[in-house]
PDB file of N, CA and C in Angstrom:
ATOM      1  N   MET A   1    -332.055 -21.123 -93.244  1.00  0.00           N
ATOM      2  CA  MET A   1    -332.047 -22.035 -94.363  1.00  0.00           C
ATOM      3  C   MET A   1    -330.935 -21.600 -95.317  1.00  0.00           C
ATOM      4  N   PRO A   2    -330.128 -22.531 -95.792  1.00  0.00           N
ATOM      5  CA  PRO A   2    -329.087 -22.174 -96.760  1.00  0.00           C
ATOM      6  C   PRO A   2    -329.695 -21.571 -98.025  1.00  0.00           C
ATOM      7  N   LEU A   3    -328.977 -20.643 -98.608  1.00  0.00           N
ATOM      8  CA  LEU A   3    -329.462 -19.940 -99.791  1.00  0.00           C
ATOM      9  C   LEU A   3    -329.812 -20.900-100.921  1.00  0.00           C
ATOM     10  N   SER A   4    -328.947 -21.860-101.192  1.00  0.00           N
ATOM     11  CA  SER A   4    -329.222 -22.793-102.292  1.00  0.00           C
ATOM     12  C   SER A   4    -330.489 -23.598-102.036  1.00  0.00           C
ATOM     13  N   CYS A   5    -330.807 -23.898-100.790  1.00  0.00           N
ATOM     14  CA  CYS A   5    -332.035 -24.635-100.466  1.00  0.00           C
ATOM     15  C   CYS A   5    -333.262 -23.744-100.560  1.00  0.00           C
ATOM     16  N   ALA A   6    -333.100 -22.434-100.408  1.00  0.00           N
ATOM     17  CA  ALA A   6    -334.228 -21.509-100.475  1.00  0.00           C
ATOM     18  C   ALA A   6    -334.653 -21.217-101.903  1.00  0.00           C
ATOM     19  N   ILE A   7    -333.709 -21.207-102.836  1.00  0.00           N
ATOM     20  CA  ILE A   7    -334.056 -20.804-104.202  1.00  0.00           C
ATOM     21  C   ILE A   7    -334.588 -21.953-105.062  1.00  0.00           C
ATOM     22  N   LEU A   8    -334.320 -23.179-104.697  1.00  0.00           N
ATOM     23  CA  LEU A   8    -334.839 -24.308-105.485  1.00  0.00           C
ATOM     24  C   LEU A   8    -336.365 -24.385-105.464  1.00  0.00           C
ATOM     25  N   PRO A   9    -336.998 -24.317-104.286  1.00  0.00           N
ATOM     26  CA  PRO A   9    -338.463 -24.369-104.287  1.00  0.00           C
ATOM     27  C   PRO A   9    -339.103 -23.134-104.929  1.00  0.00           C
ATOM     28  N   ALA A  10    -338.325 -22.059-105.077  1.00  0.00           N
ATOM     29  CA  ALA A  10    -338.847 -20.830-105.679  1.00  0.00           C
ATOM     30  C   ALA A  10    -338.843 -20.902-107.203  1.00  0.00           C
ATOM     31  N   GLY A  11    -338.306 -21.979-107.779  1.00  0.00           N
ATOM     32  CA  GLY A  11    -338.371 -22.148-109.216  1.00  0.00           C
ATOM     33  C   GLY A  11    -337.046 -22.310-109.927  1.00  0.00           C
ATOM     34  N   ALA A  12    -335.931 -22.285-109.209  1.00  0.00           N
ATOM     35  CA  ALA A  12    -334.640 -22.489-109.864  1.00  0.00           C
ATOM     36  C   ALA A  12    -334.548 -23.924-110.375  1.00  0.00           C
ATOM     37  N   THR A  13    -334.043 -24.085-111.593  1.00  0.00           N
ATOM     38  CA  THR A  13    -333.854 -25.413-112.150  1.00  0.00           C
ATOM     39  C   THR A  13    -332.749 -26.145-111.403  1.00  0.00           C
ATOM     40  N   CYS A  14    -331.709 -25.407-111.041  1.00  0.00           N
ATOM     41  CA  CYS A  14    -330.630 -25.961-110.238  1.00  0.00           C
ATOM     42  C   CYS A  14    -329.961 -24.821-109.488  1.00  0.00           C
ATOM     43  N   ALA A  15    -329.154 -25.175-108.504  1.00  0.00           N
ATOM     44  CA  ALA A  15    -328.416 -24.194-107.718  1.00  0.00           C
ATOM     45  C   ALA A  15    -327.102 -24.820-107.322  1.00  0.00           C
ATOM     46  N   GLY A  16    -326.095 -23.990-107.106  1.00  0.00           N
ATOM     47  CA  GLY A  16    -324.796 -24.512-106.718  1.00  0.00           C
ATOM     48  C   GLY A  16    -323.962 -23.467-106.023  1.00  0.00           C
ATOM     49  N   LEU A  17    -322.817 -23.875-105.568  1.00  0.00           N
ATOM     50  CA  LEU A  17    -321.864 -23.012-104.869  1.00  0.00           C
ATOM     51  C   LEU A  17    -320.560 -23.062-105.642  1.00  0.00           C
ATOM     52  N   THR A  18    -320.045 -21.895-106.017  1.00  0.00           N
ATOM     53  CA  THR A  18    -318.804 -21.865-106.776  1.00  0.00           C
ATOM     54  C   THR A  18    -317.611 -22.089-105.862  1.00  0.00           C
ATOM     55  N   SER A  19    -316.509 -22.483-106.438  1.00  0.00           N
ATOM     56  CA  SER A  19    -315.291 -22.665-105.654  1.00  0.00           C
ATOM     57  C   SER A  19    -314.584 -21.335-105.426  1.00  0.00           C
ATOM     58  N   PHE A  20    -315.029 -20.292-106.089  1.00  0.00           N
ATOM     59  CA  PHE A  20    -314.446 -18.967-105.917  1.00  0.00           C
ATOM     60  C   PHE A  20    -315.333 -18.115-105.027  1.00  0.00           C
ATOM     61  N   GLY A  21    -316.021 -18.716-104.139  1.00  0.00           N
ATOM     62  CA  GLY A  21    -317.085 -18.122-103.339  1.00  0.00           C
ATOM     63  C   GLY A  21    -316.633 -17.126-102.317  1.00  0.00           C
ATOM     64  N   PRO A  22    -317.524 -16.819-101.463  1.00  0.00           N
ATOM     65  CA  PRO A  22    -318.808 -17.526-101.471  1.00  0.00           C
ATOM     66  C   PRO A  22    -319.756 -16.936-102.502  1.00  0.00           C
ATOM     67  N   ALA A  23    -320.063 -17.686-103.504  1.00  0.00           N
ATOM     68  CA  ALA A  23    -321.024 -17.280-104.524  1.00  0.00           C
ATOM     69  C   ALA A  23    -321.968 -18.440-104.795  1.00  0.00           C
ATOM     70  N   VAL A  24    -323.247 -18.180-104.695  1.00  0.00           N
ATOM     71  CA  VAL A  24    -324.265 -19.177-104.975  1.00  0.00           C
ATOM     72  C   VAL A  24    -324.931 -18.778-106.284  1.00  0.00           C
ATOM     73  N   TYR A  25    -325.194 -19.747-107.139  1.00  0.00           N
ATOM     74  CA  TYR A  25    -325.836 -19.431-108.411  1.00  0.00           C
ATOM     75  C   TYR A  25    -327.073 -20.296-108.608  1.00  0.00           C
ATOM     76  N   ALA A  26    -327.971 -19.794-109.429  1.00  0.00           N
ATOM     77  CA  ALA A  26    -329.161 -20.548-109.811  1.00  0.00           C
ATOM     78  C   ALA A  26    -329.321 -20.428-111.309  1.00  0.00           C
ATOM     79  N   ILE A  27    -329.853 -21.456-111.925  1.00  0.00           N
ATOM     80  CA  ILE A  27    -330.171 -21.431-113.348  1.00  0.00           C
ATOM     81  C   ILE A  27    -331.683 -21.591-113.458  1.00  0.00           C
ATOM     82  N   ALA A  28    -332.290 -20.707-114.232  1.00  0.00           N
ATOM     83  CA  ALA A  28    -333.741 -20.735-114.368  1.00  0.00           C
ATOM     84  C   ALA A  28    -334.115 -20.493-115.825  1.00  0.00           C
ATOM     85  N   ASP A  29    -335.284 -20.926-116.180  1.00  0.00           N
ATOM     86  CA  ASP A  29    -335.808 -20.716-117.520  1.00  0.00           C
ATOM     87  C   ASP A  29    -337.023 -19.807-117.406  1.00  0.00           C
ATOM     88  N   GLY A  30    -336.841 -18.539-117.714  1.00  0.00           N
ATOM     89  CA  GLY A  30    -337.958 -17.607-117.651  1.00  0.00           C
ATOM     90  C   GLY A  30    -337.840 -16.634-116.497  1.00  0.00           C
ATOM     91  N   ASP A  31    -338.986 -16.220-116.009  1.00  0.00           N
ATOM     92  CA  ASP A  31    -339.060 -15.202-114.969  1.00  0.00           C
ATOM     93  C   ASP A  31    -338.411 -15.688-113.674  1.00  0.00           C
ATOM     94  N   CYS A  32    -337.604 -14.850-113.083  1.00  0.00           N
ATOM     95  CA  CYS A  32    -336.913 -15.266-111.861  1.00  0.00           C
ATOM     96  C   CYS A  32    -337.207 -14.340-110.679  1.00  0.00           C
ATOM     97  N   ARG A  33    -338.348 -13.645-110.704  1.00  0.00           N
ATOM     98  CA  ARG A  33    -338.699 -12.767-109.579  1.00  0.00           C
ATOM     99  C   ARG A  33    -338.899 -13.547-108.291  1.00  0.00           C
ATOM    100  N   ASP A  34    -339.507 -14.726-108.359  1.00  0.00           N
ATOM    101  CA  ASP A  34    -339.702 -15.534-107.150  1.00  0.00           C
ATOM    102  C   ASP A  34    -338.373 -16.030-106.600  1.00  0.00           C
ATOM    103  N   ILE A  35    -337.462 -16.383-107.480  1.00  0.00           N
ATOM    104  CA  ILE A  35    -336.137 -16.839-107.061  1.00  0.00           C
ATOM    105  C   ILE A  35    -335.389 -15.688-106.394  1.00  0.00           C
ATOM    106  N   GLU A  36    -335.460 -14.508-106.998  1.00  0.00           N
ATOM    107  CA  GLU A  36    -334.803 -13.337-106.408  1.00  0.00           C
ATOM    108  C   GLU A  36    -335.385 -13.028-105.032  1.00  0.00           C
ATOM    109  N   ALA A  37    -336.706 -13.079-104.891  1.00  0.00           N
ATOM    110  CA  ALA A  37    -337.341 -12.803-103.598  1.00  0.00           C
ATOM    111  C   ALA A  37    -336.913 -13.817-102.542  1.00  0.00           C
ATOM    112  N   ALA A  38    -336.839 -15.092-102.923  1.00  0.00           N
ATOM    113  CA  ALA A  38    -336.408 -16.130-101.975  1.00  0.00           C
ATOM    114  C   ALA A  38    -334.955 -15.918-101.570  1.00  0.00           C
ATOM    115  N   ALA A  39    -334.118 -15.515-102.532  1.00  0.00           N
ATOM    116  CA  ALA A  39    -332.708 -15.262-102.230  1.00  0.00           C
ATOM    117  C   ALA A  39    -332.568 -14.075-101.283  1.00  0.00           C
ATOM    118  N   ARG A  40    -333.313 -13.000-101.543  1.00  0.00           N
ATOM    119  CA  ARG A  40    -333.253 -11.829-100.663  1.00  0.00           C
ATOM    120  C   ARG A  40    -333.687 -12.179 -99.249  1.00  0.00           C
ATOM    121  N   GLN A  41    -334.740 -12.985 -99.124  1.00  0.00           N
ATOM    122  CA  GLN A  41    -335.213 -13.380 -97.802  1.00  0.00           C
ATOM    123  C   GLN A  41    -334.168 -14.241 -97.093  1.00  0.00           C
ATOM    124  N   ALA A  42    -333.569 -15.188 -97.808  1.00  0.00           N
ATOM    125  CA  ALA A  42    -332.551 -16.056 -97.204  1.00  0.00           C
ATOM    126  C   ALA A  42    -331.303 -15.268 -96.807  1.00  0.00           C
ATOM    127  N   MET A  43    -331.032 -14.172 -97.519  1.00  0.00           N
ATOM    128  CA  MET A  43    -329.835 -13.374 -97.246  1.00  0.00           C
ATOM    129  C   MET A  43    -330.087 -12.243 -96.262  1.00  0.00           C
ATOM    130  N   SER A  44    -331.322 -12.048 -95.826  1.00  0.00           N
ATOM    131  CA  SER A  44    -331.611 -10.952 -94.911  1.00  0.00           C
ATOM    132  C   SER A  44    -330.821 -11.128 -93.620  1.00  0.00           C
ATOM    133  N   GLY A  45    -330.203 -10.070 -93.191  1.00  0.00           N
ATOM    134  CA  GLY A  45    -329.389 -10.110 -91.985  1.00  0.00           C
ATOM    135  C   GLY A  45    -327.956 -10.550 -92.237  1.00  0.00           C
ATOM    136  N   VAL A  46    -327.690 -11.077 -93.427  1.00  0.00           N
ATOM    137  CA  VAL A  46    -326.350 -11.540 -93.759  1.00  0.00           C
ATOM    138  C   VAL A  46    -325.684 -10.582 -94.747  1.00  0.00           C
ATOM    139  N   GLY A  47    -326.473 -10.117 -95.709  1.00  0.00           N
ATOM    140  CA  GLY A  47    -325.945  -9.227 -96.731  1.00  0.00           C
ATOM    141  C   GLY A  47    -325.512  -9.990 -97.963  1.00  0.00           C
ATOM    142  N   GLY A  48    -325.221  -9.241 -98.994  1.00  0.00           N
ATOM    143  CA  GLY A  48    -324.786  -9.830-100.244  1.00  0.00           C
ATOM    144  C   GLY A  48    -325.443  -9.139-101.412  1.00  0.00           C
ATOM    145  N   ASP A  49    -325.034  -9.498-102.594  1.00  0.00           N
ATOM    146  CA  ASP A  49    -325.553  -8.909-103.822  1.00  0.00           C
ATOM    147  C   ASP A  49    -326.227  -9.977-104.660  1.00  0.00           C
ATOM    148  N   ILE A  50    -327.210  -9.553-105.428  1.00  0.00           N
ATOM    149  CA  ILE A  50    -327.890 -10.440-106.366  1.00  0.00           C
ATOM    150  C   ILE A  50    -327.688  -9.877-107.761  1.00  0.00           C
ATOM    151  N   LEU A  51    -327.245 -10.707-108.665  1.00  0.00           N
ATOM    152  CA  LEU A  51    -327.024 -10.321-110.057  1.00  0.00           C
ATOM    153  C   LEU A  51    -327.838 -11.257-110.940  1.00  0.00           C
ATOM    154  N   ILE A  52    -328.662 -10.688-111.790  1.00  0.00           N
ATOM    155  CA  ILE A  52    -329.459 -11.479-112.725  1.00  0.00           C
ATOM    156  C   ILE A  52    -328.933 -11.199-114.121  1.00  0.00           C
ATOM    157  N   SER A  53    -328.602 -12.252-114.839  1.00  0.00           N
ATOM    158  CA  SER A  53    -328.068 -12.092-116.193  1.00  0.00           C
ATOM    159  C   SER A  53    -328.727 -13.102-117.122  1.00  0.00           C
ATOM    160  N   HIS A  54    -328.415 -12.994-118.387  1.00  0.00           N
ATOM    161  CA  HIS A  54    -328.961 -13.890-119.402  1.00  0.00           C
ATOM    162  C   HIS A  54    -327.810 -14.577-120.129  1.00  0.00           C
ATOM    163  N   ALA A  55    -328.024 -15.815-120.503  1.00  0.00           N
ATOM    164  CA  ALA A  55    -327.017 -16.547-121.279  1.00  0.00           C
ATOM    165  C   ALA A  55    -326.982 -16.020-122.700  1.00  0.00           C
ATOM    166  N   ARG A  56    -325.809 -16.062-123.310  1.00  0.00           N
ATOM    167  CA  ARG A  56    -325.680 -15.624-124.707  1.00  0.00           C
ATOM    168  C   ARG A  56    -326.118 -16.708-125.686  1.00  0.00           C
ATOM    169  N   ASN A  57    -325.931 -17.955-125.335  1.00  0.00           N
ATOM    170  CA  ASN A  57    -326.339 -19.086-126.182  1.00  0.00           C
ATOM    171  C   ASN A  57    -325.837 -18.979-127.618  1.00  0.00           C
ATOM    172  N   GLU A  58    -324.619 -18.552-127.796  1.00  0.00           N
ATOM    173  CA  GLU A  58    -324.046 -18.442-129.117  1.00  0.00           C
ATOM    174  C   GLU A  58    -322.953 -19.475-129.385  1.00  0.00           C
ATOM    175  N   GLY A  59    -322.498 -20.144-128.393  1.00  0.00           N
ATOM    176  CA  GLY A  59    -321.427 -21.111-128.580  1.00  0.00           C
ATOM    177  C   GLY A  59    -320.065 -20.440-128.651  1.00  0.00           C
ATOM    178  N   ALA A  60    -319.062 -21.235-128.818  1.00  0.00           N
ATOM    179  CA  ALA A  60    -317.682 -20.739-128.859  1.00  0.00           C
ATOM    180  C   ALA A  60    -317.362 -20.161-130.233  1.00  0.00           C
ATOM    181  N   GLN A  61    -316.476 -19.197-130.238  1.00  0.00           N
ATOM    182  CA  GLN A  61    -315.981 -18.618-131.489  1.00  0.00           C
ATOM    183  C   GLN A  61    -314.465 -18.731-131.469  1.00  0.00           C
ATOM    184  N   LEU A  62    -313.917 -19.282-132.514  1.00  0.00           N
ATOM    185  CA  LEU A  62    -312.465 -19.458-132.611  1.00  0.00           C
ATOM    186  C   LEU A  62    -311.914 -18.510-133.662  1.00  0.00           C
ATOM    187  N   ARG A  63    -310.734 -17.976-133.369  1.00  0.00           N
ATOM    188  CA  ARG A  63    -310.045 -17.126-134.332  1.00  0.00           C
ATOM    189  C   ARG A  63    -308.641 -17.650-134.490  1.00  0.00           C
ATOM    190  N   VAL A  64    -308.248 -17.886-135.709  1.00  0.00           N
ATOM    191  CA  VAL A  64    -306.915 -18.426-136.001  1.00  0.00           C
ATOM    192  C   VAL A  64    -306.013 -17.266-136.422  1.00  0.00           C
ATOM    193  N   ALA A  65    -304.916 -17.094-135.696  1.00  0.00           N
ATOM    194  CA  ALA A  65    -303.953 -16.044-136.054  1.00  0.00           C
ATOM    195  C   ALA A  65    -302.845 -16.682-136.892  1.00  0.00           C
ATOM    196  N   CYS A  66    -302.524 -16.070-138.002  1.00  0.00           N
ATOM    197  CA  CYS A  66    -301.488 -16.610-138.892  1.00  0.00           C
ATOM    198  C   CYS A  66    -300.137 -15.960-138.617  1.00  0.00           C
TER     199      CYS A  66
END
């Protein structure tokens, strides 16, 4: 089963494939242990890394140089 198809039923709000891949990402709200477990199972025998991070949700910051 493709990785992106495995993590959606595990609770990911969405999943996608980057153009700088092969990298698959998921966006979730809250606990992502089930998503991580589904990703590990889908990747078994293939290999790869899983990185879990949090959004900063601060928006853009602009600095004007004079």
